[in-house]
Amino acid sequence: MIVLADSGAMAEIASTDATLMARVVARDPVAFRSIVDAHAIALRRIGYRMLGDATEAEDVAQEAFLRLWNHAARWRATGSGIGAWLNRVVINLCLDRLRRRRFTSDEAVPERADESPNADAVMEDDQERAAIVKCINALAERQRAAIVLTYYEGLSNIMAADALDMNIKAFESLLHRARQTLRELLSKAGIVDPPESRIA
């Protein structure tokens, strides 16, 4: 799913965010709480899809909000807004944790549980969804982040590039490689052209 943001909407986001952040700089807990309420679910979702662990996802989301609170005075309004900044922080925290896992453990990264709300889905669908999740988990960390941000979170390429601190051309190249690798992994798993709803 691709989400496009027009310049008017981006300007409105930047204006609202600048107002909220000015209040956070003044240590207004109500403004900070409104930021947390607006972004917590998405940040935990990104963390979970990157790390496969609900506790770690909660940790990285809380760390991102703590950094926002501690560095509020450095905030500079941009068209991408607070959400993009928080996404970038969470992705970087997840990448750091994944790198630490690689160096401190020989164990494979645990598979993520299937959180699909479709409890009455047939077993074949569940097995295919689990195989897709396994293929996504097998991607290199930054490729996985590109897939998570575009397919799971529905960010535009520009916003996803911002979250990964990349220029748009580099991000599009990364996303192209991620899709290509994912197609190859899915093909090896016997899954051909899965519906987007099962990737997402």
Protein backbone atom coordinates (compact mmCIF):
# COMPACT_ATOMS: atom_id res chain seq x y z
CA MET A 1 0.00 0.00 0.00
CA ILE A 2 1.42 3.39 -0.96
CA VAL A 3 0.38 6.51 0.94
CA LEU A 4 0.90 9.86 -0.71
CA ALA A 5 1.08 13.05 1.33
CA ASP A 6 0.43 16.36 -0.41
CA SER A 7 2.42 19.46 0.46
CA GLY A 8 -0.56 21.12 2.20
CA ALA A 9 -1.05 18.16 4.53
CA MET A 10 2.70 18.01 5.22
CA ALA A 11 2.74 21.75 6.07
CA GLU A 12 -0.20 21.28 8.45
CA ILE A 13 1.56 18.35 10.15
CA ALA A 14 4.74 20.43 10.53
CA SER A 15 2.78 23.33 12.02
CA THR A 16 0.91 21.14 14.51
CA ASP A 17 4.10 19.30 15.44
CA ALA A 18 6.01 22.55 15.93
CA THR A 19 3.30 23.76 18.33
CA LEU A 20 3.33 20.49 20.27
CA MET A 21 7.11 20.43 20.46
CA ALA A 22 7.24 24.03 21.71
CA ARG A 23 4.99 22.89 24.56
CA VAL A 24 7.16 19.82 25.19
CA VAL A 25 10.25 22.06 25.38
CA ALA A 26 8.35 23.96 28.10
CA ARG A 27 7.85 20.53 29.77
CA ASP A 28 4.10 20.38 29.19
CA PRO A 29 3.09 16.78 30.04
CA VAL A 30 -0.27 17.12 28.25
CA ALA A 31 1.46 17.91 24.93
CA PHE A 32 3.88 15.02 25.43
CA ARG A 33 1.02 12.65 26.26
CA SER A 34 -0.78 13.65 23.06
CA ILE A 35 2.35 12.78 21.05
CA VAL A 36 2.62 9.43 22.84
CA ASP A 37 -1.07 8.70 22.26
CA ALA A 38 -0.77 9.55 18.56
CA HIS A 39 2.33 7.44 17.83
CA ALA A 40 2.72 4.67 20.44
CA ILE A 41 0.78 1.96 18.62
CA ALA A 42 2.63 2.48 15.32
CA LEU A 43 6.03 2.49 17.04
CA ARG A 44 5.28 -0.71 18.95
CA ARG A 45 4.03 -2.30 15.72
CA ILE A 46 7.25 -1.39 13.89
CA GLY A 47 9.33 -2.66 16.81
CA TYR A 48 7.42 -5.94 16.92
CA ARG A 49 7.67 -6.53 13.19
CA MET A 50 11.40 -5.80 13.24
CA LEU A 51 12.29 -7.70 16.43
CA GLY A 52 9.55 -10.32 16.81
CA ASP A 53 9.24 -9.68 20.54
CA ALA A 54 6.47 -7.63 22.19
CA THR A 55 8.57 -6.70 25.23
CA GLU A 56 11.45 -5.44 23.10
CA ALA A 57 8.98 -3.57 20.88
CA GLU A 58 7.63 -1.80 23.97
CA ASP A 59 11.19 -1.02 25.09
CA VAL A 60 12.21 0.59 21.80
CA ALA A 61 8.99 2.63 21.65
CA GLN A 62 9.57 3.92 25.19
CA GLU A 63 13.21 4.70 24.39
CA ALA A 64 12.13 6.71 21.34
CA PHE A 65 9.70 8.78 23.43
CA LEU A 66 12.35 9.28 26.11
CA ARG A 67 14.75 10.60 23.49
CA LEU A 68 12.08 12.95 22.16
CA TRP A 69 11.46 14.29 25.68
CA ASN A 70 15.17 14.64 26.50
CA HIS A 71 16.09 16.30 23.20
CA ALA A 72 12.96 18.38 22.65
CA ALA A 73 14.94 21.64 22.64
CA ARG A 74 16.85 20.46 19.55
CA TRP A 75 13.64 19.86 17.58
CA ARG A 76 13.51 21.51 14.17
CA ALA A 77 10.19 21.32 12.33
CA THR A 78 10.36 19.56 8.98
CA GLY A 79 7.72 18.49 6.50
CA SER A 80 7.93 14.90 7.76
CA GLY A 81 6.98 15.75 11.33
CA ILE A 82 7.32 14.03 14.68
CA GLY A 83 6.06 10.68 13.37
CA ALA A 84 8.88 10.34 10.84
CA TRP A 85 11.46 11.31 13.46
CA LEU A 86 10.10 8.73 15.90
CA ASN A 87 9.98 6.08 13.16
CA ARG A 88 13.65 6.75 12.38
CA VAL A 89 14.62 6.43 16.05
CA VAL A 90 12.70 3.16 16.46
CA ILE A 91 14.15 1.66 13.27
CA ASN A 92 17.68 2.59 14.40
CA LEU A 93 17.07 1.12 17.86
CA CYS A 94 15.76 -2.08 16.26
CA LEU A 95 18.75 -2.32 13.91
CA ASP A 96 21.09 -1.86 16.90
CA ARG A 97 19.34 -4.66 18.79
CA LEU A 98 19.43 -6.97 15.78
CA ARG A 99 23.17 -6.33 15.36
CA ARG A 100 23.78 -7.05 19.05
CA ARG A 101 21.84 -10.31 18.73
CA ARG A 102 24.04 -11.33 15.83
CA PHE A 103 27.21 -10.74 17.83
CA THR A 104 26.06 -12.10 21.19
CA SER A 105 24.10 -15.19 20.22
CA ASP A 106 24.46 -18.14 17.91
CA GLU A 107 20.74 -18.78 18.18
CA ALA A 108 18.47 -17.93 15.29
CA VAL A 109 16.22 -14.93 15.72
CA PRO A 110 12.94 -16.36 17.02
CA GLU A 111 10.03 -16.44 14.64
CA ARG A 112 7.31 -13.92 15.30
CA ALA A 113 3.95 -15.24 16.36
CA ASP A 114 1.19 -14.86 13.81
CA GLU A 115 -0.97 -12.05 15.19
CA SER A 116 -3.57 -12.37 12.48
CA PRO A 117 -7.03 -11.54 13.83
CA ASN A 118 -8.57 -13.96 11.31
CA ALA A 119 -9.01 -16.83 13.77
CA ASP A 120 -11.29 -18.78 11.46
CA ALA A 121 -8.83 -18.79 8.57
CA VAL A 122 -8.17 -22.20 7.13
CA MET A 123 -4.96 -23.96 8.15
CA GLU A 124 -3.47 -23.61 4.68
CA ASP A 125 -3.82 -19.81 4.84
CA ASP A 126 -2.22 -19.77 8.30
CA GLN A 127 0.69 -21.88 7.09
CA GLU A 128 1.21 -19.64 4.08
CA ARG A 129 1.09 -16.50 6.24
CA ALA A 130 3.62 -18.04 8.66
CA ALA A 131 5.88 -18.91 5.71
CA ILE A 132 5.66 -15.31 4.46
CA VAL A 133 6.57 -13.96 7.92
CA LYS A 134 9.52 -16.38 8.01
CA CYS A 135 10.71 -15.10 4.62
CA ILE A 136 10.42 -11.47 5.75
CA ASN A 137 12.40 -12.34 8.91
CA ALA A 138 15.12 -13.84 6.70
CA LEU A 139 15.73 -10.50 4.93
CA ALA A 140 18.75 -8.39 5.84
CA GLU A 141 17.81 -5.90 8.58
CA ARG A 142 17.58 -2.76 6.43
CA GLN A 143 15.68 -4.62 3.71
CA ARG A 144 13.25 -5.88 6.36
CA ALA A 145 12.87 -2.29 7.62
CA ALA A 146 12.06 -1.10 4.08
CA ILE A 147 9.36 -3.79 3.72
CA VAL A 148 7.93 -3.11 7.19
CA LEU A 149 7.71 0.65 6.62
CA THR A 150 6.16 0.45 3.15
CA TYR A 151 3.93 -2.63 3.38
CA TYR A 152 3.11 -2.83 7.09
CA GLU A 153 3.04 0.86 7.95
CA GLY A 154 1.94 2.15 4.53
CA LEU A 155 4.50 4.96 4.45
CA SER A 156 5.31 6.67 1.18
CA ASN A 157 8.82 6.08 -0.18
CA ILE A 158 9.81 9.61 0.87
CA MET A 159 8.65 9.10 4.46
CA ALA A 160 10.21 5.63 4.68
CA ALA A 161 13.48 7.00 3.31
CA ASP A 162 13.37 9.71 5.97
CA ALA A 163 12.74 7.10 8.68
CA LEU A 164 15.84 5.21 7.50
CA ASP A 165 17.83 8.44 7.12
CA MET A 166 18.41 7.79 3.41
CA ASN A 167 17.93 9.82 0.28
CA ILE A 168 15.01 8.77 -1.88
CA LYS A 169 17.08 7.14 -4.65
CA ALA A 170 19.05 5.03 -2.18
CA PHE A 171 15.84 3.99 -0.44
CA GLU A 172 14.12 3.03 -3.70
CA SER A 173 17.16 0.93 -4.61
CA LEU A 174 17.03 -0.74 -1.16
CA LEU A 175 13.29 -1.39 -1.51
CA HIS A 176 13.78 -2.83 -4.99
CA ARG A 177 16.44 -5.23 -3.67
CA ALA A 178 14.23 -6.11 -0.69
CA ARG A 179 11.27 -6.94 -2.94
CA GLN A 180 13.48 -8.95 -5.27
CA THR A 181 15.02 -10.92 -2.41
CA LEU A 182 11.61 -11.46 -0.82
CA ARG A 183 10.21 -12.76 -4.12
CA GLU A 184 13.12 -15.22 -4.35
CA LEU A 185 12.60 -16.39 -0.76
CA LEU A 186 8.85 -16.77 -1.31
CA SER A 187 9.46 -18.70 -4.50
CA LYS A 188 11.81 -21.10 -2.69
CA ALA A 189 9.10 -21.53 -0.04
CA GLY A 190 6.62 -22.44 -2.77
CA ILE A 191 4.63 -19.22 -2.49
CA VAL A 192 4.02 -17.49 -5.80
CA ASP A 193 2.51 -13.98 -5.94
CA PRO A 194 1.00 -13.85 -2.47
CA PRO A 195 -1.78 -11.30 -1.98
CA GLU A 196 -0.50 -8.04 -0.46
CA SER A 197 -2.81 -8.58 2.51
CA ARG A 198 -0.72 -11.60 3.50
CA ILE A 199 2.56 -9.71 3.20
CA ALA A 200 1.10 -6.88 5.22
